[in-house]
Amino acid sequence: MKWSRRNIWTVILLSCLVFWAILLTGLNAVA
């Protein structure tokens, strides 16, 4: 499986978005 730079950045950005979405949801649930 050959990874291109674009695919790597896409995965990184998606991971960050998912992380922030979960974090914000958790904070809203606690608050």
N, C-alpha and C. Protein backbone atom coordinates (compact mmCIF):
# COMPACT_ATOMS: atom_id res chain seq x y z
N MET A 1 0.84 -1.18 0.00
CA MET A 1 0.00 0.00 0.00
C MET A 1 0.88 1.24 0.00
N LYS A 2 0.76 2.03 -1.03
CA LYS A 2 1.62 3.21 -1.16
C LYS A 2 0.85 4.45 -0.73
N TRP A 3 1.39 5.14 0.27
CA TRP A 3 0.73 6.33 0.77
C TRP A 3 1.27 7.57 0.08
N SER A 4 0.37 8.41 -0.36
CA SER A 4 0.79 9.68 -0.93
C SER A 4 0.70 10.74 0.17
N ARG A 5 1.39 11.84 -0.02
CA ARG A 5 1.40 12.88 1.00
C ARG A 5 -0.02 13.41 1.25
N ARG A 6 -0.81 13.51 0.19
CA ARG A 6 -2.17 14.03 0.34
C ARG A 6 -3.00 13.10 1.23
N ASN A 7 -2.86 11.79 1.02
CA ASN A 7 -3.62 10.84 1.84
C ASN A 7 -3.22 10.93 3.30
N ILE A 8 -1.92 11.09 3.55
CA ILE A 8 -1.44 11.18 4.93
C ILE A 8 -2.04 12.42 5.61
N TRP A 9 -2.01 13.56 4.92
CA TRP A 9 -2.55 14.79 5.52
C TRP A 9 -4.05 14.68 5.72
N THR A 10 -4.74 14.00 4.80
CA THR A 10 -6.19 13.84 4.95
C THR A 10 -6.50 13.04 6.20
N VAL A 11 -5.75 11.96 6.42
CA VAL A 11 -5.96 11.13 7.61
C VAL A 11 -5.67 11.93 8.88
N ILE A 12 -4.60 12.71 8.86
CA ILE A 12 -4.24 13.51 10.03
C ILE A 12 -5.33 14.53 10.34
N LEU A 13 -5.81 15.23 9.31
CA LEU A 13 -6.84 16.24 9.53
C LEU A 13 -8.13 15.62 10.03
N LEU A 14 -8.52 14.48 9.45
CA LEU A 14 -9.74 13.81 9.89
C LEU A 14 -9.61 13.36 11.33
N SER A 15 -8.43 12.85 11.70
CA SER A 15 -8.21 12.40 13.07
C SER A 15 -8.35 13.57 14.04
N CYS A 16 -7.80 14.72 13.66
CA CYS A 16 -7.89 15.90 14.52
C CYS A 16 -9.34 16.34 14.68
N LEU A 17 -10.09 16.33 13.56
CA LEU A 17 -11.49 16.74 13.62
C LEU A 17 -12.29 15.81 14.52
N VAL A 18 -12.06 14.52 14.39
CA VAL A 18 -12.78 13.54 15.21
C VAL A 18 -12.41 13.73 16.68
N PHE A 19 -11.12 13.96 16.94
CA PHE A 19 -10.66 14.16 18.32
C PHE A 19 -11.35 15.37 18.95
N TRP A 20 -11.38 16.49 18.22
CA TRP A 20 -12.01 17.70 18.76
C TRP A 20 -13.51 17.51 18.93
N ALA A 21 -14.14 16.81 18.00
CA ALA A 21 -15.59 16.58 18.10
C ALA A 21 -15.92 15.79 19.36
N ILE A 22 -15.14 14.74 19.62
CA ILE A 22 -15.36 13.92 20.82
C ILE A 22 -15.06 14.73 22.08
N LEU A 23 -13.98 15.51 22.03
CA LEU A 23 -13.60 16.30 23.20
C LEU A 23 -14.68 17.33 23.54
N LEU A 24 -15.17 18.06 22.53
CA LEU A 24 -16.20 19.06 22.77
C LEU A 24 -17.49 18.41 23.25
N THR A 25 -17.85 17.27 22.68
CA THR A 25 -19.06 16.57 23.10
C THR A 25 -18.93 16.15 24.56
N GLY A 26 -17.76 15.66 24.93
CA GLY A 26 -17.53 15.24 26.31
C GLY A 26 -17.62 16.42 27.26
N LEU A 27 -17.05 17.56 26.88
CA LEU A 27 -17.10 18.75 27.74
C LEU A 27 -18.53 19.23 27.90
N ASN A 28 -19.31 19.21 26.82
CA ASN A 28 -20.70 19.65 26.89
C ASN A 28 -21.51 18.71 27.78
N ALA A 29 -21.19 17.42 27.74
CA ALA A 29 -21.91 16.45 28.55
C ALA A 29 -21.60 16.66 30.04
N VAL A 30 -20.34 17.00 30.34
CA VAL A 30 -19.94 17.20 31.73
C VAL A 30 -20.47 18.53 32.27
N ALA A 31 -20.41 19.56 31.44
CA ALA A 31 -20.82 20.90 31.88
C ALA A 31 -22.33 20.99 32.13
